[in-house]
C-alpha atoms as a PDB file:
ATOM      1  CA  UNK A   1       0.000   0.000   0.000  1.00  0.00           C
ATOM      2  CA  UNK A   2       0.863   3.672  -0.225  1.00  0.00           C
ATOM      3  CA  UNK A   3       2.382   5.734   2.572  1.00  0.00           C
ATOM      4  CA  UNK A   4      -0.085   6.690   5.292  1.00  0.00           C
ATOM      5  CA  UNK A   5      -2.444   3.731   4.837  1.00  0.00           C
ATOM      6  CA  UNK A   6      -1.657   2.193   8.229  1.00  0.00           C
ATOM      7  CA  UNK A   7       0.547  -0.703   7.146  1.00  0.00           C
ATOM      8  CA  UNK A   8       2.987  -0.551  10.053  1.00  0.00           C
ATOM      9  CA  UNK A   9       0.248   0.272  12.555  1.00  0.00           C
ATOM     10  CA  UNK A  10      -1.585  -2.852  11.407  1.00  0.00           C
ATOM     11  CA  UNK A  11       1.177  -5.457  11.252  1.00  0.00           C
ATOM     12  CA  UNK A  12       2.780  -4.474  14.562  1.00  0.00           C
ATOM     13  CA  UNK A  13      -0.373  -5.674  16.327  1.00  0.00           C
ATOM     14  CA  UNK A  14       0.848  -9.258  15.837  1.00  0.00           C
ATOM     15  CA  UNK A  15       0.879 -11.194  19.104  1.00  0.00           C
ATOM     16  CA  UNK A  16       4.109 -12.667  20.480  1.00  0.00           C
ATOM     17  CA  UNK A  17       5.902 -11.399  17.383  1.00  0.00           C
ATOM     18  CA  UNK A  18       9.345 -10.135  16.471  1.00  0.00           C
ATOM     19  CA  UNK A  19       9.603  -7.226  14.027  1.00  0.00           C
ATOM     20  CA  UNK A  20      12.588  -6.497  11.808  1.00  0.00           C
ATOM     21  CA  UNK A  21      12.228  -2.752  11.253  1.00  0.00           C
ATOM     22  CA  UNK A  22      14.017  -1.617   8.080  1.00  0.00           C
ATOM     23  CA  UNK A  23      12.143   1.710   7.809  1.00  0.00           C
ATOM     24  CA  UNK A  24      12.324   3.034  11.373  1.00  0.00           C
ATOM     25  CA  UNK A  25       8.547   2.765  11.305  1.00  0.00           C
ATOM     26  CA  UNK A  26       8.323   1.639  14.917  1.00  0.00           C
ATOM     27  CA  UNK A  27       8.979   5.228  15.996  1.00  0.00           C
ATOM     28  CA  UNK A  28       5.577   6.097  14.571  1.00  0.00           C
ATOM     29  CA  UNK A  29       3.813   2.856  15.431  1.00  0.00           C
ATOM     30  CA  UNK A  30       4.649   2.937  19.133  1.00  0.00           C
ATOM     31  CA  UNK A  31       3.451   6.535  19.467  1.00  0.00           C
ATOM     32  CA  UNK A  32       0.152   6.008  17.654  1.00  0.00           C
ATOM     33  CA  UNK A  33      -2.759   6.204  20.086  1.00  0.00           C
ATOM     34  CA  UNK A  34      -5.755   3.968  19.369  1.00  0.00           C
ATOM     35  CA  UNK A  35      -7.354   0.845  20.806  1.00  0.00           C
ATOM     36  CA  UNK A  36      -4.485  -1.290  19.467  1.00  0.00           C
ATOM     37  CA  UNK A  37      -1.710   0.722  21.149  1.00  0.00           C
ATOM     38  CA  UNK A  38      -1.104  -1.876  23.918  1.00  0.00           C
ATOM     39  CA  UNK A  39      -0.437  -4.561  21.281  1.00  0.00           C
ATOM     40  CA  UNK A  40       2.160  -2.392  19.542  1.00  0.00           C
ATOM     41  CA  UNK A  41       3.917  -1.802  22.843  1.00  0.00           C
ATOM     42  CA  UNK A  42       4.227  -5.554  23.360  1.00  0.00           C
ATOM     43  CA  UNK A  43       5.941  -6.399  20.074  1.00  0.00           C
ATOM     44  CA  UNK A  44       9.701  -6.875  20.219  1.00  0.00           C
ATOM     45  CA  UNK A  45      11.761  -5.314  17.465  1.00  0.00           C
ATOM     46  CA  UNK A  46      15.202  -4.303  16.280  1.00  0.00           C
ATOM     47  CA  UNK A  47      15.968  -1.628  13.707  1.00  0.00           C
ATOM     48  CA  UNK A  48      18.041  -2.566  10.673  1.00  0.00           C
ATOM     49  CA  UNK A  49      18.786   0.718   8.939  1.00  0.00           C
ATOM     50  CA  UNK A  50      22.123   2.303   8.081  1.00  0.00           C
ATOM     51  CA  UNK A  51      22.677   5.912   9.031  1.00  0.00           C
ATOM     52  CA  UNK A  52      26.416   5.902   8.347  1.00  0.00           C
ATOM     53  CA  UNK A  53      26.736   4.826   4.728  1.00  0.00           C
ATOM     54  CA  UNK A  54      30.533   4.917   4.942  1.00  0.00           C
ATOM     55  CA  UNK A  55      30.317   1.773   7.068  1.00  0.00           C
ATOM     56  CA  UNK A  56      26.997  -0.033   6.451  1.00  0.00           C
ATOM     57  CA  UNK A  57      26.172  -2.958   8.726  1.00  0.00           C
ATOM     58  CA  UNK A  58      22.367  -3.270   8.681  1.00  0.00           C
ATOM     59  CA  UNK A  59      22.086  -5.856   5.916  1.00  0.00           C
ATOM     60  CA  UNK A  60      24.761  -8.151   7.341  1.00  0.00           C
ATOM     61  CA  UNK A  61      23.102  -8.013  10.771  1.00  0.00           C
ATOM     62  CA  UNK A  62      19.702  -8.683   9.200  1.00  0.00           C
ATOM     63  CA  UNK A  63      20.968 -11.727   7.297  1.00  0.00           C
ATOM     64  CA  UNK A  64      22.548 -13.145  10.439  1.00  0.00           C
ATOM     65  CA  UNK A  65      19.303 -12.588  12.357  1.00  0.00           C
ATOM     66  CA  UNK A  66      17.137 -14.232   9.685  1.00  0.00           C
ATOM     67  CA  UNK A  67      19.471 -17.234   9.597  1.00  0.00           C
ATOM     68  CA  UNK A  68      19.299 -17.641  13.393  1.00  0.00           C
ATOM     69  CA  UNK A  69      15.501 -17.282  13.361  1.00  0.00           C
ATOM     70  CA  UNK A  70      15.196 -19.959  10.667  1.00  0.00           C
ATOM     71  CA  UNK A  71      17.447 -22.366  12.556  1.00  0.00           C
ATOM     72  CA  UNK A  72      15.470 -21.977  15.777  1.00  0.00           C
ATOM     73  CA  UNK A  73      12.039 -21.946  14.133  1.00  0.00           C
ATOM     74  CA  UNK A  74      12.656 -25.191  12.264  1.00  0.00           C
ATOM     75  CA  UNK A  75      13.913 -26.793  15.487  1.00  0.00           C
ATOM     76  CA  UNK A  76      10.831 -25.552  17.312  1.00  0.00           C
ATOM     77  CA  UNK A  77      12.880 -23.481  19.767  1.00  0.00           C
ATOM     78  CA  UNK A  78      12.170 -19.936  18.532  1.00  0.00           C
ATOM     79  CA  UNK A  79      10.508 -17.935  21.289  1.00  0.00           C
ATOM     80  CA  UNK A  80       8.083 -16.062  19.000  1.00  0.00           C
ATOM     81  CA  UNK A  81       4.970 -17.055  17.073  1.00  0.00           C
ATOM     82  CA  UNK A  82       5.275 -14.552  14.217  1.00  0.00           C
ATOM     83  CA  UNK A  83       7.842 -12.620  12.205  1.00  0.00           C
ATOM     84  CA  UNK A  84       7.092  -9.151  10.830  1.00  0.00           C
ATOM     85  CA  UNK A  85       9.245  -7.534   8.125  1.00  0.00           C
ATOM     86  CA  UNK A  86       8.677  -3.775   7.813  1.00  0.00           C
ATOM     87  CA  UNK A  87       9.384  -3.329   5.057  1.00  0.00           C
ATOM     88  CA  UNK A  88      10.803  -5.399   2.245  1.00  0.00           C
ATOM     89  CA  UNK A  89      11.219  -2.099   0.399  1.00  0.00           C
ATOM     90  CA  UNK A  90      13.558  -0.885   3.148  1.00  0.00           C
ATOM     91  CA  UNK A  91      15.203  -4.302   3.286  1.00  0.00           C
ATOM     92  CA  UNK A  92      16.154  -3.884  -0.370  1.00  0.00           C
ATOM     93  CA  UNK A  93      17.697  -0.475   0.304  1.00  0.00           C
ATOM     94  CA  UNK A  94      19.918  -1.876   3.059  1.00  0.00           C
ATOM     95  CA  UNK A  95      20.978  -4.744   0.805  1.00  0.00           C
ATOM     96  CA  UNK A  96      21.832  -2.256  -1.939  1.00  0.00           C
ATOM     97  CA  UNK A  97      23.871  -0.111   0.464  1.00  0.00           C
ATOM     98  CA  UNK A  98      25.953  -3.106   1.520  1.00  0.00           C
ATOM     99  CA  UNK A  99      26.616  -4.506  -1.947  1.00  0.00           C
ATOM    100  CA  UNK A 100      27.500  -1.101  -3.411  1.00  0.00           C
ATOM    101  CA  UNK A 101      29.795  -0.462  -0.432  1.00  0.00           C
ATOM    102  CA  UNK A 102      31.520  -3.837  -0.812  1.00  0.00           C
ATOM    103  CA  UNK A 103      32.149  -3.023  -4.484  1.00  0.00           C
ATOM    104  CA  UNK A 104      33.560   0.394  -3.573  1.00  0.00           C
ATOM    105  CA  UNK A 105      30.827   2.090  -5.578  1.00  0.00           C
ATOM    106  CA  UNK A 106      28.484   3.498  -2.948  1.00  0.00           C
ATOM    107  CA  UNK A 107      27.578   6.988  -4.149  1.00  0.00           C
ATOM    108  CA  UNK A 108      29.615   6.535  -7.328  1.00  0.00           C
ATOM    109  CA  UNK A 109      28.687   6.311 -11.003  1.00  0.00           C
ATOM    110  CA  UNK A 110      28.077   2.626 -11.642  1.00  0.00           C
ATOM    111  CA  UNK A 111      28.908   2.406 -15.328  1.00  0.00           C
ATOM    112  CA  UNK A 112      29.088  -1.115 -16.743  1.00  0.00           C
ATOM    113  CA  UNK A 113      29.213  -2.701 -13.288  1.00  0.00           C
ATOM    114  CA  UNK A 114      25.698  -1.519 -12.409  1.00  0.00           C
ATOM    115  CA  UNK A 115      23.814  -4.385 -14.053  1.00  0.00           C
ATOM    116  CA  UNK A 116      26.014  -7.001 -12.389  1.00  0.00           C
ATOM    117  CA  UNK A 117      25.640  -5.383  -8.965  1.00  0.00           C
ATOM    118  CA  UNK A 118      21.869  -5.195  -9.247  1.00  0.00           C
ATOM    119  CA  UNK A 119      21.887  -8.865 -10.175  1.00  0.00           C
ATOM    120  CA  UNK A 120      23.721  -9.605  -6.913  1.00  0.00           C
ATOM    121  CA  UNK A 121      21.238  -7.504  -4.938  1.00  0.00           C
ATOM    122  CA  UNK A 122      18.203  -9.271  -6.403  1.00  0.00           C
ATOM    123  CA  UNK A 123      19.751 -12.721  -5.884  1.00  0.00           C
ATOM    124  CA  UNK A 124      20.600 -11.954  -2.250  1.00  0.00           C
ATOM    125  CA  UNK A 125      17.131 -10.544  -1.555  1.00  0.00           C
ATOM    126  CA  UNK A 126      15.335 -13.443  -3.208  1.00  0.00           C
ATOM    127  CA  UNK A 127      17.389 -15.952  -1.232  1.00  0.00           C
ATOM    128  CA  UNK A 128      16.400 -14.398   2.096  1.00  0.00           C
ATOM    129  CA  UNK A 129      12.785 -13.886   1.032  1.00  0.00           C
ATOM    130  CA  UNK A 130      12.617 -17.631   0.406  1.00  0.00           C
ATOM    131  CA  UNK A 131      14.053 -18.315   3.863  1.00  0.00           C
ATOM    132  CA  UNK A 132      11.517 -15.967   5.459  1.00  0.00           C
ATOM    133  CA  UNK A 133       8.491 -17.395   3.652  1.00  0.00           C
ATOM    134  CA  UNK A 134       9.522 -20.974   4.455  1.00  0.00           C
ATOM    135  CA  UNK A 135       9.357 -20.359   8.215  1.00  0.00           C
ATOM    136  CA  UNK A 136       6.891 -22.573  10.118  1.00  0.00           C
ATOM    137  CA  UNK A 137       5.121 -19.575  11.651  1.00  0.00           C
ATOM    138  CA  UNK A 138       3.016 -16.579  10.717  1.00  0.00           C
ATOM    139  CA  UNK A 139       5.145 -14.310   8.539  1.00  0.00           C
ATOM    140  CA  UNK A 140       3.932 -10.820   7.613  1.00  0.00           C
ATOM    141  CA  UNK A 141       5.847  -8.714   5.105  1.00  0.00           C
ATOM    142  CA  UNK A 142       5.099  -5.058   4.343  1.00  0.00           C
ATOM    143  CA  UNK A 143       5.924  -3.453   1.014  1.00  0.00           C
ATOM    144  CA  UNK A 144       5.401   0.038  -0.339  1.00  0.00           C
ATOM    145  CA  UNK A 145       3.681   0.434  -3.694  1.00  0.00           C
ATOM    146  CA  UNK A 146       5.255   1.295  -7.033  1.00  0.00           C
ATOM    147  CA  UNK A 147       2.952   2.763  -9.718  1.00  0.00           C
ATOM    148  CA  UNK A 148       4.007   1.579 -13.183  1.00  0.00           C
ATOM    149  CA  UNK A 149       2.461   3.174 -16.262  1.00  0.00           C
ATOM    150  CA  UNK A 150       2.273   1.055 -19.392  1.00  0.00           C
ATOM    151  CA  UNK A 151       1.514   2.695 -22.725  1.00  0.00           C
ATOM    152  CA  UNK A 152       0.804   6.341 -23.441  1.00  0.00           C
ATOM    153  CA  UNK A 153      -2.082   8.685 -24.030  1.00  0.00           C
ATOM    154  CA  UNK A 154      -5.616   7.343 -23.721  1.00  0.00           C
ATOM    155  CA  UNK A 155      -4.394   3.743 -23.813  1.00  0.00           C
ATOM    156  CA  UNK A 156      -2.031   4.210 -20.857  1.00  0.00           C
ATOM    157  CA  UNK A 157      -2.691   2.000 -17.830  1.00  0.00           C
ATOM    158  CA  UNK A 158      -1.181   2.214 -14.368  1.00  0.00           C
ATOM    159  CA  UNK A 159      -0.515  -0.889 -12.301  1.00  0.00           C
ATOM    160  CA  UNK A 160       0.507  -0.959  -8.642  1.00  0.00           C
ATOM    161  CA  UNK A 161       3.459  -3.236  -7.966  1.00  0.00           C
ATOM    162  CA  UNK A 162       5.481  -3.968  -4.822  1.00  0.00           C
ATOM    163  CA  UNK A 163       8.298  -1.429  -4.523  1.00  0.00           C
ATOM    164  CA  UNK A 164      11.422  -3.552  -4.478  1.00  0.00           C
ATOM    165  CA  UNK A 165      14.668  -3.553  -6.443  1.00  0.00           C
ATOM    166  CA  UNK A 166      14.770  -5.442  -9.743  1.00  0.00           C
ATOM    167  CA  UNK A 167      12.855  -5.582 -13.005  1.00  0.00           C
ATOM    168  CA  UNK A 168      11.261  -8.992 -12.425  1.00  0.00           C
ATOM    169  CA  UNK A 169      11.239  -9.266  -8.627  1.00  0.00           C
ATOM    170  CA  UNK A 170       8.325  -6.808  -8.078  1.00  0.00           C
ATOM    171  CA  UNK A 171       5.942  -8.960 -10.137  1.00  0.00           C
ATOM    172  CA  UNK A 172       7.450 -12.186  -8.784  1.00  0.00           C
ATOM    173  CA  UNK A 173       7.247 -11.229  -5.095  1.00  0.00           C
ATOM    174  CA  UNK A 174       3.523 -12.045  -4.562  1.00  0.00           C
ATOM    175  CA  UNK A 175       4.191 -15.640  -5.648  1.00  0.00           C
ATOM    176  CA  UNK A 176       5.979 -16.255  -2.348  1.00  0.00           C
ATOM    177  CA  UNK A 177       2.880 -15.530  -0.238  1.00  0.00           C
ATOM    178  CA  UNK A 178      -0.493 -17.172   0.437  1.00  0.00           C
ATOM    179  CA  UNK A 179      -2.182 -13.844   1.120  1.00  0.00           C
ATOM    180  CA  UNK A 180      -1.584 -10.508  -0.602  1.00  0.00           C
ATOM    181  CA  UNK A 181      -3.494  -7.588   0.918  1.00  0.00           C
ATOM    182  CA  UNK A 182      -3.674  -4.011  -0.293  1.00  0.00           C
ATOM    183  CA  UNK A 183      -4.135  -1.112   2.126  1.00  0.00           C
ATOM    184  CA  UNK A 184      -5.793   2.199   1.310  1.00  0.00           C
ATOM    185  CA  UNK A 185      -7.564   5.134   2.932  1.00  0.00           C
ATOM    186  CA  UNK A 186     -11.166   6.156   2.259  1.00  0.00           C
ATOM    187  CA  UNK A 187     -13.564   8.883   3.400  1.00  0.00           C
ATOM    188  CA  UNK A 188     -10.907  11.542   3.936  1.00  0.00           C
ATOM    189  CA  UNK A 189      -8.833   9.402   6.234  1.00  0.00           C
ATOM    190  CA  UNK A 190     -11.676   8.132   8.409  1.00  0.00           C
ATOM    191  CA  UNK A 191     -11.448   4.566   7.108  1.00  0.00           C
ATOM    192  CA  UNK A 192      -8.278   2.532   6.757  1.00  0.00           C
ATOM    193  CA  UNK A 193      -9.030  -0.373   4.437  1.00  0.00           C
ATOM    194  CA  UNK A 194      -7.364  -3.737   3.897  1.00  0.00           C
ATOM    195  CA  UNK A 195      -8.497  -5.429   0.708  1.00  0.00           C
ATOM    196  CA  UNK A 196      -7.822  -8.783  -0.878  1.00  0.00           C
ATOM    197  CA  UNK A 197     -10.286  -8.293  -3.713  1.00  0.00           C
ATOM    198  CA  UNK A 198      -8.588  -9.118  -7.024  1.00  0.00           C
ATOM    199  CA  UNK A 199      -8.099  -6.038  -9.171  1.00  0.00           C
ATOM    200  CA  UNK A 200      -6.647  -5.848 -12.664  1.00  0.00           C
ATOM    201  CA  UNK A 201      -4.327  -2.967 -11.724  1.00  0.00           C
ATOM    202  CA  UNK A 202      -2.899  -4.432  -8.522  1.00  0.00           C
ATOM    203  CA  UNK A 203      -1.863  -7.775  -7.069  1.00  0.00           C
ATOM    204  CA  UNK A 204      -4.119  -8.859  -4.212  1.00  0.00           C
ATOM    205  CA  UNK A 205      -5.489 -12.267  -3.397  1.00  0.00           C
ATOM    206  CA  UNK A 206      -6.561 -14.689  -0.672  1.00  0.00           C
ATOM    207  CA  UNK A 207      -6.841 -18.439  -0.216  1.00  0.00           C
ATOM    208  CA  UNK A 208      -9.853 -18.006   2.075  1.00  0.00           C
ATOM    209  CA  UNK A 209     -12.429 -17.744  -0.708  1.00  0.00           C
ATOM    210  CA  UNK A 210     -13.659 -14.450   0.765  1.00  0.00           C
ATOM    211  CA  UNK A 211     -13.169 -11.387  -1.413  1.00  0.00           C
ATOM    212  CA  UNK A 212     -13.858  -8.220   0.508  1.00  0.00           C
ATOM    213  CA  UNK A 213     -12.646  -4.914   1.864  1.00  0.00           C
ATOM    214  CA  UNK A 214     -12.529  -4.396   5.635  1.00  0.00           C
ATOM    215  CA  UNK A 215     -11.782  -1.433   7.888  1.00  0.00           C
ATOM    216  CA  UNK A 216      -8.593  -2.545   9.563  1.00  0.00           C
ATOM    217  CA  UNK A 217      -8.618   0.403  11.977  1.00  0.00           C
ATOM    218  CA  UNK A 218     -11.842  -1.123  13.378  1.00  0.00           C
ATOM    219  CA  UNK A 219     -11.096  -4.855  13.553  1.00  0.00           C
ATOM    220  CA  UNK A 220      -7.308  -4.835  13.637  1.00  0.00           C
ATOM    221  CA  UNK A 221      -4.907  -7.546  12.547  1.00  0.00           C
ATOM    222  CA  UNK A 222      -6.574 -10.248  14.645  1.00  0.00           C
ATOM    223  CA  UNK A 223      -9.910  -9.465  12.997  1.00  0.00           C
ATOM    224  CA  UNK A 224      -8.431  -9.667   9.507  1.00  0.00           C
ATOM    225  CA  UNK A 225      -6.721 -12.973  10.258  1.00  0.00           C
ATOM    226  CA  UNK A 226      -9.979 -14.355  11.631  1.00  0.00           C
ATOM    227  CA  UNK A 227     -11.717 -13.415   8.366  1.00  0.00           C
ATOM    228  CA  UNK A 228      -9.313 -15.628   6.414  1.00  0.00           C
ATOM    229  CA  UNK A 229      -9.727 -18.459   8.933  1.00  0.00           C
ATOM    230  CA  UNK A 230      -6.271 -18.073  10.454  1.00  0.00           C
ATOM    231  CA  UNK A 231      -6.271 -18.970  14.133  1.00  0.00           C
ATOM    232  CA  UNK A 232      -4.578 -16.410  16.378  1.00  0.00           C
END
């Protein structure tokens, strides 16, 4: 979904969950005052975002953390019931920072090496996305939206894709997930909507057989999960 549609506020309601915060969104989420505030104050999180790009470390720390989570989760010894990634858009930025830095090209003109480096970024991201989505627990991943316009003039059409690095990865990303929800705001900000109705211009789907739009600022994450028959 777009910025300001309540994505972080929604996913950080997950119970007994660990959040990997790549966007520093928890600063906002923990200060938001509504009936779900106590749930957001319970979630454990770490921030994985580089502020000193002359010595990036966020992506390496994130990869180590994901590997440890996977090892424990598959052994049945991980102390949490859910993993939240906020967001995979930010995750891609940290990966890019690290790979450009390792190549000595952070902030430089890429030239002919650019295509090869982006290939490394996409491969690294896809590898860890596969690890995340194979976890034997509830996994919730946030992504920002990327409007793509195809064609020109009256025949032009705009599609909303996940905002993540790569030419093919944005359209491929939804394949990794059972549920793809789209968030939006209606009625001048009074209603925050989560939708899994299929739409030709955006990727959204559900395995529940229920195609609807719900006010997530009313029923929260637990209410949405209940609607798709996921026990919480």
